Amino acid sequence: MRFIHHFLLIFPVLSGCGCRDEAVRPVEVQVPVAVSCVPGGVEAPDWNIARLAPDASAADRLKAALADLELSRGYIAELEAELAACG
């Protein structure tokens, strides 16, 4: 009788080992989350033309202006991205 009692206790434990539970699996759910907009996160670049000496040559001024043109394009892109995120 003890054997049957032990068998009845062990049987449910062993029966659970052979089955696969496919109902439990991770599911990724993408939910948009509101993010607060904090304007002023974009810092102005260090302009090259502002660092020129007052007696700089025309060629140096042109080089600084062309370098600042590239800086301004990146700065404007960052500002537009910030405006789009806050809009």
C-alpha atoms as a PDB file:
ATOM      1  CA  MET A   1       0.000   0.000   0.000  1.00  0.00           C
ATOM      2  CA  ARG A   2       2.876   2.330   0.700  1.00  0.00           C
ATOM      3  CA  PHE A   3       4.192   1.727  -2.798  1.00  0.00           C
ATOM      4  CA  ILE A   4       0.937   2.913  -4.350  1.00  0.00           C
ATOM      5  CA  HIS A   5       0.902   5.922  -2.072  1.00  0.00           C
ATOM      6  CA  HIS A   6       4.449   6.903  -3.131  1.00  0.00           C
ATOM      7  CA  PHE A   7       3.637   6.192  -6.762  1.00  0.00           C
ATOM      8  CA  LEU A   8       0.620   8.485  -6.614  1.00  0.00           C
ATOM      9  CA  LEU A   9       2.781  11.245  -5.178  1.00  0.00           C
ATOM     10  CA  ILE A  10       5.598  10.845  -7.701  1.00  0.00           C
ATOM     11  CA  PHE A  11       3.449  10.302 -10.811  1.00  0.00           C
ATOM     12  CA  PRO A  12       2.204  13.917 -11.147  1.00  0.00           C
ATOM     13  CA  VAL A  13       5.765  15.186 -10.776  1.00  0.00           C
ATOM     14  CA  LEU A  14       7.117  12.879 -13.461  1.00  0.00           C
ATOM     15  CA  SER A  15       4.241  13.499 -15.817  1.00  0.00           C
ATOM     16  CA  GLY A  16       5.033  17.200 -15.894  1.00  0.00           C
ATOM     17  CA  CYS A  17       8.603  16.647 -17.051  1.00  0.00           C
ATOM     18  CA  GLY A  18       7.705  15.195 -20.436  1.00  0.00           C
ATOM     19  CA  CYS A  19       5.408  17.892 -21.728  1.00  0.00           C
ATOM     20  CA  ARG A  20       6.495  21.153 -23.310  1.00  0.00           C
ATOM     21  CA  ASP A  21       4.647  24.279 -22.369  1.00  0.00           C
ATOM     22  CA  GLU A  22       4.580  26.323 -25.566  1.00  0.00           C
ATOM     23  CA  ALA A  23       1.936  28.691 -24.273  1.00  0.00           C
ATOM     24  CA  VAL A  24       4.512  30.561 -22.188  1.00  0.00           C
ATOM     25  CA  ARG A  25       6.915  32.504 -24.406  1.00  0.00           C
ATOM     26  CA  PRO A  26       8.135  36.086 -24.345  1.00  0.00           C
ATOM     27  CA  VAL A  27       6.264  38.524 -26.548  1.00  0.00           C
ATOM     28  CA  GLU A  28       7.620  41.933 -27.501  1.00  0.00           C
ATOM     29  CA  VAL A  29       5.016  44.687 -27.453  1.00  0.00           C
ATOM     30  CA  GLN A  30       5.999  48.070 -28.834  1.00  0.00           C
ATOM     31  CA  VAL A  31       4.123  50.872 -27.133  1.00  0.00           C
ATOM     32  CA  PRO A  32       4.842  54.537 -27.772  1.00  0.00           C
ATOM     33  CA  VAL A  33       5.963  56.333 -24.629  1.00  0.00           C
ATOM     34  CA  ALA A  34       5.552  60.058 -24.152  1.00  0.00           C
ATOM     35  CA  VAL A  35       8.855  61.808 -23.488  1.00  0.00           C
ATOM     36  CA  SER A  36       8.923  65.270 -22.047  1.00  0.00           C
ATOM     37  CA  CYS A  37      10.474  67.849 -24.318  1.00  0.00           C
ATOM     38  CA  VAL A  38      13.261  69.909 -22.826  1.00  0.00           C
ATOM     39  CA  PRO A  39      14.141  72.709 -25.246  1.00  0.00           C
ATOM     40  CA  GLY A  40      17.647  74.089 -25.222  1.00  0.00           C
ATOM     41  CA  GLY A  41      19.472  70.785 -25.320  1.00  0.00           C
ATOM     42  CA  VAL A  42      21.462  71.749 -28.416  1.00  0.00           C
ATOM     43  CA  GLU A  43      24.579  73.788 -27.752  1.00  0.00           C
ATOM     44  CA  ALA A  44      25.875  76.274 -30.290  1.00  0.00           C
ATOM     45  CA  PRO A  45      29.188  75.237 -31.829  1.00  0.00           C
ATOM     46  CA  ASP A  46      32.438  77.044 -31.196  1.00  0.00           C
ATOM     47  CA  TRP A  47      32.511  79.197 -34.335  1.00  0.00           C
ATOM     48  CA  ASN A  48      35.858  79.419 -36.099  1.00  0.00           C
ATOM     49  CA  ILE A  49      35.322  82.970 -37.315  1.00  0.00           C
ATOM     50  CA  ALA A  50      34.935  84.189 -33.725  1.00  0.00           C
ATOM     51  CA  ARG A  51      38.413  82.891 -32.883  1.00  0.00           C
ATOM     52  CA  LEU A  52      40.172  84.749 -35.683  1.00  0.00           C
ATOM     53  CA  ALA A  53      42.571  87.503 -34.883  1.00  0.00           C
ATOM     54  CA  PRO A  54      41.420  90.990 -35.918  1.00  0.00           C
ATOM     55  CA  ASP A  55      44.288  91.256 -38.406  1.00  0.00           C
ATOM     56  CA  ALA A  56      43.659  87.814 -40.064  1.00  0.00           C
ATOM     57  CA  SER A  57      44.155  87.614 -43.807  1.00  0.00           C
ATOM     58  CA  ALA A  58      41.320  87.289 -46.274  1.00  0.00           C
ATOM     59  CA  ALA A  59      42.306  83.683 -46.979  1.00  0.00           C
ATOM     60  CA  ASP A  60      42.128  82.813 -43.274  1.00  0.00           C
ATOM     61  CA  ARG A  61      38.727  84.495 -43.012  1.00  0.00           C
ATOM     62  CA  LEU A  62      37.475  82.522 -46.015  1.00  0.00           C
ATOM     63  CA  LYS A  63      38.731  79.234 -44.536  1.00  0.00           C
ATOM     64  CA  ALA A  64      37.037  80.000 -41.222  1.00  0.00           C
ATOM     65  CA  ALA A  65      33.793  80.970 -42.949  1.00  0.00           C
ATOM     66  CA  LEU A  66      33.761  77.747 -44.995  1.00  0.00           C
ATOM     67  CA  ALA A  67      34.443  75.681 -41.875  1.00  0.00           C
ATOM     68  CA  ASP A  68      31.634  77.527 -40.090  1.00  0.00           C
ATOM     69  CA  LEU A  69      29.316  76.738 -42.996  1.00  0.00           C
ATOM     70  CA  GLU A  70      29.759  73.015 -42.277  1.00  0.00           C
ATOM     71  CA  LEU A  71      29.320  73.612 -38.548  1.00  0.00           C
ATOM     72  CA  SER A  72      26.125  75.575 -39.155  1.00  0.00           C
ATOM     73  CA  ARG A  73      24.637  72.771 -41.274  1.00  0.00           C
ATOM     74  CA  GLY A  74      25.103  70.305 -38.444  1.00  0.00           C
ATOM     75  CA  TYR A  75      23.820  72.801 -35.884  1.00  0.00           C
ATOM     76  CA  ILE A  76      20.707  73.532 -37.943  1.00  0.00           C
ATOM     77  CA  ALA A  77      20.035  69.793 -38.375  1.00  0.00           C
ATOM     78  CA  GLU A  78      20.204  69.300 -34.607  1.00  0.00           C
ATOM     79  CA  LEU A  79      17.888  72.260 -33.998  1.00  0.00           C
ATOM     80  CA  GLU A  80      15.368  70.949 -36.547  1.00  0.00           C
ATOM     81  CA  ALA A  81      15.448  67.518 -34.910  1.00  0.00           C
ATOM     82  CA  GLU A  82      14.801  69.100 -31.525  1.00  0.00           C
ATOM     83  CA  LEU A  83      11.902  71.113 -32.931  1.00  0.00           C
ATOM     84  CA  ALA A  84      10.415  68.009 -34.551  1.00  0.00           C
ATOM     85  CA  ALA A  85      10.651  66.100 -31.270  1.00  0.00           C
ATOM     86  CA  CYS A  86       9.012  68.902 -29.297  1.00  0.00           C
ATOM     87  CA  GLY A  87       6.369  69.696 -31.908  1.00  0.00           C
END
